[in-house]
């Protein structure tokens, strides 16, 4: 099989309206027009992360930095650990350190707006990375189709259980993506809820996407004598918390559970049978696209896009990538083939020359 190519989109003329966002997939990748190092002075790019709690964000940080440095940029990195005042202060510091562009994974999609406004008033470009920044002017948004992520999660669980008592354990209520993922899942589940095939017995968001909060939510429900036939968990961290609670009742592996991010521990749970599906969001693709865009903007070039997402104040130029459902059956030709994790890591076996890659 050919190496998987994770493009910004699939068909140039396909467009759908989802929750106020206009998704127009283009064949053109930003990479093709990225500025080269030759003849260009270094530019300073800020990368402000909401947290490094989940495994994937450290990967994003490393891959983004690697690509931006290849293009001749100096990257200054910050991590707020989901603390909004800290992130706002970090954004101000990045401006004072001379960043021409700041790429932000928002700790809170709305609350950081004042810091964003201040940065832009100083002439700094702002790119929202994976999480939309709401209710303020920004220059670009790079992400995945998060509604599709939710659809894939629900479809993966429905492939195992088509009726019964379902629980929805969502993401952080401060993260716009949590609402988009839920929108996608509910678009799949709603017909069965309306027909009575599915009873939604639990429907909760999870502060900070914290696995411990997800564990507490599921444990409290089960402690009341509640039963559950399937769980849509919004990401692999919340899935981990849910599965811990299920395990205490002897239900791990008997109740299908979804997730997203293709974290190594989640892929190991797929193999073990305690998690049913995760959704792979090719991190190298989004990190590269964001780095290309940031360096281009810092040098006065803005790649074209026909895609916009309304953030409550403006139509933000947007660049979307396509998520991929991963199950036990297709691990080899998705995350392993793409080099995201190795066979030895996932299956927890010693690596030898004969070990599949």
Protein backbone atom coordinates (compact mmCIF):
# COMPACT_ATOMS: atom_id res chain seq x y z
CA UNK A 1 0.00 0.00 0.00
CA UNK A 2 1.29 3.45 -0.79
CA UNK A 3 2.34 5.70 2.06
CA UNK A 4 -0.77 7.41 3.40
CA UNK A 5 -1.00 11.00 2.21
CA UNK A 6 -2.80 13.24 4.65
CA UNK A 7 -4.02 16.17 2.57
CA UNK A 8 -5.82 19.33 3.54
CA UNK A 9 -8.79 17.93 1.68
CA UNK A 10 -10.06 15.49 -0.88
CA UNK A 11 -12.12 17.14 -3.59
CA UNK A 12 -11.85 20.80 -4.52
CA UNK A 13 -15.52 21.24 -5.29
CA UNK A 14 -17.06 19.45 -2.31
CA UNK A 15 -18.55 21.77 0.29
CA UNK A 16 -20.77 21.18 3.30
CA UNK A 17 -22.19 23.48 5.94
CA UNK A 18 -21.64 22.21 9.49
CA UNK A 19 -22.43 24.23 12.59
CA UNK A 20 -21.66 27.55 10.95
CA UNK A 21 -18.44 26.34 9.36
CA UNK A 22 -18.06 26.05 5.60
CA UNK A 23 -15.82 23.10 4.80
CA UNK A 24 -14.40 23.32 1.27
CA UNK A 25 -11.77 20.71 0.77
CA UNK A 26 -8.89 21.65 -1.51
CA UNK A 27 -6.30 19.39 -3.09
CA UNK A 28 -3.61 22.01 -2.53
CA UNK A 29 -1.40 21.68 0.54
CA UNK A 30 0.31 24.65 2.10
CA UNK A 31 3.55 22.70 1.93
CA UNK A 32 3.81 23.23 -1.80
CA UNK A 33 4.05 26.99 -1.36
CA UNK A 34 6.01 27.14 1.86
CA UNK A 35 8.85 29.69 1.96
CA UNK A 36 12.37 28.31 1.82
CA UNK A 37 15.29 29.19 4.06
CA UNK A 38 17.56 30.52 1.30
CA UNK A 39 17.68 34.31 1.22
CA UNK A 40 15.22 34.76 4.08
CA UNK A 41 16.20 36.16 7.47
CA UNK A 42 15.04 34.26 10.56
CA UNK A 43 11.57 35.06 11.86
CA UNK A 44 10.31 34.52 15.39
CA UNK A 45 7.22 32.34 15.80
CA UNK A 46 5.46 31.83 19.11
CA UNK A 47 3.76 28.52 19.91
CA UNK A 48 1.44 28.81 22.92
CA UNK A 49 0.01 25.46 24.00
CA UNK A 50 -2.94 25.03 26.31
CA UNK A 51 -1.29 22.04 28.00
CA UNK A 52 1.02 19.09 27.48
CA UNK A 53 -1.13 16.74 29.59
CA UNK A 54 -2.21 14.56 26.66
CA UNK A 55 0.54 12.68 24.82
CA UNK A 56 -0.34 14.20 21.48
CA UNK A 57 0.48 17.82 22.39
CA UNK A 58 4.16 17.14 23.01
CA UNK A 59 4.23 15.49 19.58
CA UNK A 60 2.56 18.56 18.05
CA UNK A 61 5.07 20.84 19.74
CA UNK A 62 8.09 18.85 18.55
CA UNK A 63 6.88 18.41 14.97
CA UNK A 64 5.79 22.04 14.62
CA UNK A 65 9.14 23.25 15.92
CA UNK A 66 11.08 20.92 13.64
CA UNK A 67 9.23 22.10 10.52
CA UNK A 68 9.35 25.80 11.42
CA UNK A 69 13.08 25.60 12.08
CA UNK A 70 13.57 23.87 8.73
CA UNK A 71 11.97 26.96 7.19
CA UNK A 72 14.35 29.28 9.01
CA UNK A 73 12.19 30.29 11.97
CA UNK A 74 13.06 30.63 15.63
CA UNK A 75 10.28 29.06 17.74
CA UNK A 76 9.53 30.21 21.28
CA UNK A 77 7.30 27.70 23.08
CA UNK A 78 4.95 28.16 26.01
CA UNK A 79 2.66 25.80 27.96
CA UNK A 80 -0.09 27.17 30.22
CA UNK A 81 -1.31 23.86 31.69
CA UNK A 82 -4.93 24.88 31.00
CA UNK A 83 -4.58 28.06 33.08
CA UNK A 84 -6.12 31.00 31.21
CA UNK A 85 -4.35 33.88 33.02
CA UNK A 86 -1.04 32.07 32.48
CA UNK A 87 -1.70 31.66 28.77
CA UNK A 88 -2.73 35.30 28.41
CA UNK A 89 0.51 36.37 30.11
CA UNK A 90 2.50 34.01 27.88
CA UNK A 91 0.94 35.52 24.76
CA UNK A 92 1.91 39.00 25.96
CA UNK A 93 5.47 37.76 26.59
CA UNK A 94 5.68 36.28 23.10
CA UNK A 95 4.72 39.66 21.66
CA UNK A 96 7.38 41.40 23.75
CA UNK A 97 9.97 38.85 22.56
CA UNK A 98 9.36 39.84 18.96
CA UNK A 99 7.11 37.08 17.66
CA UNK A 100 5.70 37.98 14.25
CA UNK A 101 3.12 35.19 14.41
CA UNK A 102 1.71 33.38 17.44
CA UNK A 103 0.18 29.93 16.99
CA UNK A 104 -2.22 29.19 19.84
CA UNK A 105 -3.77 26.02 21.23
CA UNK A 106 -6.35 27.81 23.36
CA UNK A 107 -6.67 26.93 27.04
CA UNK A 108 -10.15 28.46 26.77
CA UNK A 109 -11.67 29.20 23.37
CA UNK A 110 -13.33 32.44 24.53
CA UNK A 111 -11.47 33.67 27.59
CA UNK A 112 -8.15 34.32 25.84
CA UNK A 113 -9.75 36.80 23.40
CA UNK A 114 -8.39 39.92 25.16
CA UNK A 115 -4.80 38.66 24.86
CA UNK A 116 -5.38 37.85 21.20
CA UNK A 117 -6.79 41.31 20.56
CA UNK A 118 -3.78 42.89 22.26
CA UNK A 119 -1.35 40.82 20.17
CA UNK A 120 -3.08 41.71 16.92
CA UNK A 121 -3.16 45.40 17.85
CA UNK A 122 0.64 45.14 18.09
CA UNK A 123 0.77 43.85 14.51
CA UNK A 124 1.20 40.17 15.40
CA UNK A 125 -0.64 37.54 13.34
CA UNK A 126 -2.57 34.93 15.30
CA UNK A 127 -3.28 31.37 14.15
CA UNK A 128 -5.67 29.11 16.08
CA UNK A 129 -4.19 25.60 16.16
CA UNK A 130 -6.69 22.73 16.28
CA UNK A 131 -9.00 24.68 18.66
CA UNK A 132 -10.95 27.62 17.28
CA UNK A 133 -10.51 30.90 19.17
CA UNK A 134 -13.92 32.52 19.45
CA UNK A 135 -15.43 36.01 19.54
CA UNK A 136 -12.38 37.92 18.35
CA UNK A 137 -10.50 38.62 15.12
CA UNK A 138 -7.84 36.06 14.23
CA UNK A 139 -5.86 35.47 11.06
CA UNK A 140 -6.26 31.74 10.44
CA UNK A 141 -7.49 28.44 11.85
CA UNK A 142 -5.75 25.10 11.21
CA UNK A 143 -7.54 21.98 12.39
CA UNK A 144 -9.26 18.73 11.55
CA UNK A 145 -12.91 18.26 10.68
CA UNK A 146 -13.91 17.75 14.31
CA UNK A 147 -17.55 17.09 13.47
CA UNK A 148 -16.29 14.15 11.42
CA UNK A 149 -14.26 12.99 14.42
CA UNK A 150 -17.47 12.73 16.44
CA UNK A 151 -19.23 10.91 13.64
CA UNK A 152 -16.43 8.35 13.42
CA UNK A 153 -16.51 7.77 17.18
CA UNK A 154 -20.24 7.09 17.21
CA UNK A 155 -20.11 4.93 14.08
CA UNK A 156 -17.30 2.86 15.60
CA UNK A 157 -19.35 2.11 18.70
CA UNK A 158 -22.54 1.46 16.72
CA UNK A 159 -20.67 -1.12 14.68
CA UNK A 160 -20.55 -3.17 17.90
CA UNK A 161 -23.76 -2.23 19.74
CA UNK A 162 -26.80 -0.84 17.92
CA UNK A 163 -29.22 -0.36 20.82
CA UNK A 164 -29.40 -0.06 24.58
CA UNK A 165 -28.16 2.38 27.21
CA UNK A 166 -25.49 4.76 25.90
CA UNK A 167 -23.32 7.26 27.78
CA UNK A 168 -21.69 10.33 26.26
CA UNK A 169 -18.55 11.57 28.04
CA UNK A 170 -17.56 14.77 26.28
CA UNK A 171 -14.51 17.01 26.31
CA UNK A 172 -13.87 20.30 28.05
CA UNK A 173 -16.76 22.79 27.99
CA UNK A 174 -14.16 25.54 27.42
CA UNK A 175 -12.95 23.91 24.18
CA UNK A 176 -14.91 24.61 21.00
CA UNK A 177 -13.77 21.26 19.62
CA UNK A 178 -15.68 19.45 22.37
CA UNK A 179 -18.93 20.87 21.02
CA UNK A 180 -18.04 20.01 17.41
CA UNK A 181 -17.14 16.43 18.33
CA UNK A 182 -20.38 16.07 20.27
CA UNK A 183 -22.33 17.53 17.35
CA UNK A 184 -20.88 14.86 15.08
CA UNK A 185 -21.60 12.02 17.48
CA UNK A 186 -25.16 13.15 18.13
CA UNK A 187 -25.88 13.48 14.42
CA UNK A 188 -25.20 9.74 14.19
CA UNK A 189 -26.94 8.74 17.44
CA UNK A 190 -30.02 11.00 17.23
CA UNK A 191 -32.10 8.86 14.85
CA UNK A 192 -31.68 5.86 17.17
CA UNK A 193 -32.39 7.98 20.25
CA UNK A 194 -35.58 9.29 18.64
CA UNK A 195 -36.67 5.78 17.63
CA UNK A 196 -36.12 4.50 21.17
CA UNK A 197 -33.37 2.05 20.20
CA UNK A 198 -30.88 4.07 22.24
CA UNK A 199 -31.45 5.59 25.66
CA UNK A 200 -28.89 8.29 26.51
CA UNK A 201 -28.42 7.66 30.23
CA UNK A 202 -25.41 9.90 30.78
CA UNK A 203 -24.41 13.09 28.93
CA UNK A 204 -21.60 15.08 30.55
CA UNK A 205 -18.69 17.31 29.56
CA UNK A 206 -15.27 16.74 31.19
CA UNK A 207 -13.40 19.73 32.64
CA UNK A 208 -9.95 20.11 31.03
CA UNK A 209 -10.44 16.75 29.24
CA UNK A 210 -9.17 15.29 32.52
CA UNK A 211 -9.20 11.45 32.66
CA UNK A 212 -9.78 11.60 36.42
CA UNK A 213 -12.93 13.66 35.88
CA UNK A 214 -14.17 11.16 33.28
CA UNK A 215 -13.44 8.33 35.71
CA UNK A 216 -15.37 10.08 38.48
CA UNK A 217 -18.36 10.73 36.21
CA UNK A 218 -18.62 7.12 35.07
CA UNK A 219 -17.86 5.69 38.50
CA UNK A 220 -20.56 7.83 40.14
CA UNK A 221 -23.12 6.69 37.58
CA UNK A 222 -22.26 3.02 38.02
CA UNK A 223 -22.25 3.39 41.82
CA UNK A 224 -25.95 4.29 41.75
CA UNK A 225 -26.70 0.96 40.08
CA UNK A 226 -26.79 2.47 36.61
CA UNK A 227 -26.08 0.18 33.68
CA UNK A 228 -24.50 1.03 30.35
CA UNK A 229 -24.16 -0.81 27.04
CA UNK A 230 -21.83 1.59 25.20
CA UNK A 231 -19.82 4.76 25.86
CA UNK A 232 -18.90 7.52 23.44
CA UNK A 233 -15.83 9.05 25.09
CA UNK A 234 -14.64 12.19 23.32
CA UNK A 235 -10.91 11.44 23.42
CA UNK A 236 -8.45 8.79 24.52
CA UNK A 237 -7.88 10.44 27.89
CA UNK A 238 -11.57 10.41 28.80
CA UNK A 239 -11.77 6.87 27.40
CA UNK A 240 -9.02 5.83 29.81
CA UNK A 241 -10.95 7.23 32.78
CA UNK A 242 -14.16 5.56 31.63
CA UNK A 243 -12.45 2.20 31.13
CA UNK A 244 -10.94 2.36 34.62
CA UNK A 245 -14.42 2.82 36.08
CA UNK A 246 -15.81 0.02 33.93
CA UNK A 247 -12.98 -2.28 35.01
CA UNK A 248 -13.94 -1.86 38.65
CA UNK A 249 -17.33 -3.36 37.77
CA UNK A 250 -15.87 -6.11 35.58
CA UNK A 251 -17.16 -4.36 32.43
CA UNK A 252 -13.92 -3.41 30.68
CA UNK A 253 -13.88 -5.10 27.28
CA UNK A 254 -17.60 -5.88 27.50
CA UNK A 255 -18.77 -2.29 26.91
CA UNK A 256 -17.53 -0.63 23.69
CA UNK A 257 -15.75 2.69 24.26
CA UNK A 258 -14.59 5.27 21.71
CA UNK A 259 -11.82 7.87 21.79
CA UNK A 260 -9.64 10.08 19.62
CA UNK A 261 -5.96 11.05 19.21
CA UNK A 262 -4.53 7.55 18.63
CA UNK A 263 -2.44 7.79 21.79
CA UNK A 264 -0.11 4.86 22.32
CA UNK A 265 -1.98 3.70 25.43
CA UNK A 266 -5.27 3.82 23.49
CA UNK A 267 -3.83 1.73 20.66
CA UNK A 268 -2.66 -0.79 23.25
CA UNK A 269 -6.21 -0.84 24.64
CA UNK A 270 -7.54 -1.54 21.13
CA UNK A 271 -5.26 -4.57 20.97
CA UNK A 272 -6.30 -5.65 24.48
CA UNK A 273 -9.97 -5.23 23.61
CA UNK A 274 -10.91 -2.65 26.25
CA UNK A 275 -11.26 0.24 23.78
CA UNK A 276 -13.17 -0.15 20.53
CA UNK A 277 -12.07 2.75 18.34
CA UNK A 278 -9.83 5.77 18.35
CA UNK A 279 -9.65 8.51 15.74
CA UNK A 280 -6.25 9.30 14.28
CA UNK A 281 -5.65 12.96 13.56
CA UNK A 282 -2.35 12.88 11.63
CA UNK A 283 -0.26 15.14 13.84
CA UNK A 284 2.66 15.57 11.46
CA UNK A 285 0.29 16.87 8.82
CA UNK A 286 -1.33 19.53 11.01
CA UNK A 287 1.99 20.52 12.59
CA UNK A 288 3.60 20.94 9.18
CA UNK A 289 0.65 22.85 7.75
CA UNK A 290 0.58 25.22 10.72
CA UNK A 291 4.35 25.78 10.59
CA UNK A 292 4.21 26.45 6.84
CA UNK A 293 1.38 28.91 7.33
CA UNK A 294 3.02 30.67 10.28
CA UNK A 295 6.34 31.19 8.52
CA UNK A 296 4.60 32.30 5.33
CA UNK A 297 2.53 34.87 7.26
CA UNK A 298 5.62 36.10 9.10
CA UNK A 299 7.16 36.82 5.69
CA UNK A 300 4.08 38.53 4.34
CA UNK A 301 2.64 35.64 2.32
CA UNK A 302 -0.87 34.34 3.00
CA UNK A 303 -1.71 31.05 1.20
CA UNK A 304 -5.16 31.06 -0.37
CA UNK A 305 -8.08 29.13 1.05
CA UNK A 306 -11.76 29.13 0.14
CA UNK A 307 -12.61 27.73 3.56
CA UNK A 308 -13.99 29.90 6.35
CA UNK A 309 -15.25 29.17 9.85
CA UNK A 310 -17.41 31.68 11.70
CA UNK A 311 -16.04 32.15 15.22
CA UNK A 312 -18.82 34.36 16.56
CA UNK A 313 -17.27 37.56 15.22
CA UNK A 314 -15.72 36.89 11.82
CA UNK A 315 -15.30 34.33 9.06
CA UNK A 316 -11.85 32.95 9.78
CA UNK A 317 -9.72 31.64 6.87
CA UNK A 318 -9.44 27.93 7.66
CA UNK A 319 -7.36 24.93 6.69
CA UNK A 320 -8.82 21.50 7.52
CA UNK A 321 -7.35 18.00 7.45
CA UNK A 322 -9.15 14.66 7.41
CA UNK A 323 -9.36 12.37 10.50
CA UNK A 324 -9.15 8.58 10.23
CA UNK A 325 -10.96 5.90 12.25
CA UNK A 326 -8.62 3.31 13.78
CA UNK A 327 -9.71 -0.07 15.10
CA UNK A 328 -7.84 -3.22 16.05
CA UNK A 329 -8.30 -4.42 12.48
CA UNK A 330 -6.66 -1.49 10.66
CA UNK A 331 -3.88 -0.41 13.04
CA UNK A 332 -1.24 -1.75 10.65
CA UNK A 333 -2.30 0.25 7.61
CA UNK A 334 -3.01 3.50 9.46
CA UNK A 335 -0.89 4.57 12.43
CA UNK A 336 1.87 1.98 11.94
CA UNK A 337 2.18 2.52 8.19
CA UNK A 338 2.22 6.27 8.76
CA UNK A 339 5.04 5.93 11.29
CA UNK A 340 3.02 7.46 14.13
CA UNK A 341 3.65 4.47 16.40
CA UNK A 342 5.51 1.21 15.81
CA UNK A 343 4.28 -2.36 15.94
CA UNK A 344 6.66 -3.06 18.83
CA UNK A 345 5.29 -0.14 20.84
CA UNK A 346 1.64 -1.00 20.27
CA UNK A 347 1.91 -4.74 20.74
CA UNK A 348 4.53 -4.35 23.49
CA UNK A 349 6.99 -6.81 22.00
CA UNK A 350 10.77 -6.50 21.61
CA UNK A 351 11.80 -4.78 18.38
CA UNK A 352 13.80 -7.01 16.01
CA UNK A 353 14.68 -6.76 12.31
CA UNK A 354 11.73 -9.08 11.64
CA UNK A 355 9.24 -6.97 13.64
CA UNK A 356 6.64 -5.34 11.37
CA UNK A 357 7.05 -1.57 11.16
